[in-house]
Amino acid sequence: MAETALADVLVEMADTLVDDFDVIDFLHVLTERCVQLLDVSAAGILLTDQRETLQLVAASSERTRLLELFQLQTDQGPCVDCFNTGQPVSVPDIRSAGRWPRFTAAAAEVGFVSVHALPMRLRAEVIGALNLFGVEAGALDDDKVRAGKALADVATIGLLQQRAIRHRDTLTDQLQTALNSRILIEQAKGVLAERLHLDLDQAFALLRHAARNRNRRLSEFAQAVVNGTEQIPGAPEAKSAR
């Protein structure tokens, strides 16, 4: 992994952290960059809400989203353990780990064999976990682990700094807004998937592309799609969005 590639991603993320950045889009970009930079198959992010309950806020693919949701529903898995302990959890081969039997079965069903979970923390404060999934067994090398921690740290600092910039906001308020936005986005994905006969990954890519083209916040545009006040014409174009 080239150091310049990591530097470029860190600069990209830092540039995104303006006063009114789109939290959901920022975190989704983070999952994409993890896949590209760390040579993993997928990535997901779990954050706490105002009740200190873990919630899924970003995933690089639909199967990742489903697996992360399964972890939350069963309260079992390496990503949950990472958040609860505040320590990294590395599982080179889930099949031989002898832990989390329900998670192991669910991971196998969607094709994941290895997982590496990194805490999103600043000092003693843990706000979530960045989770990296692989379709082949094997540990991440030290350089990739350090790069993953750097990316998790940048995201954590950005979220915590946003609280300081907005004196009237608290971190939990911001994260709750992000979680509410995620619900709207999932609804909009479903609308587009049904209307344009797409899978959910394609629907999200199309939604995100259209929001950016219109210079709209992702959550606001998703609300408009759900309400029917915004249309995304052209099913053939949608199918080529991926």
Foldseek 3Di string as FASTA:
>chain_A
DDPVLLVVVLVVLVVQLDLDHQLLVSVQVLFVSLCVPQVFDWKWKWFAAPVRQIDTQYIPDDLRVVLVVVCSVVVFDQFSVCQVVVAKDWFLFLVPPPGRVVSSVSCVVSQWGIKIKHFLDDVPDTGIIMMTTHNHGDTRDPVSVVSNNVSSPSSSCSLCVSCVSPVVDDSNVVVVVSVVLSVLLQLLLVLCCVVLVHPSSLSSLQLVVVCVVVVHRSSVSSNCSNVVVDDDDDSVVSVPSD
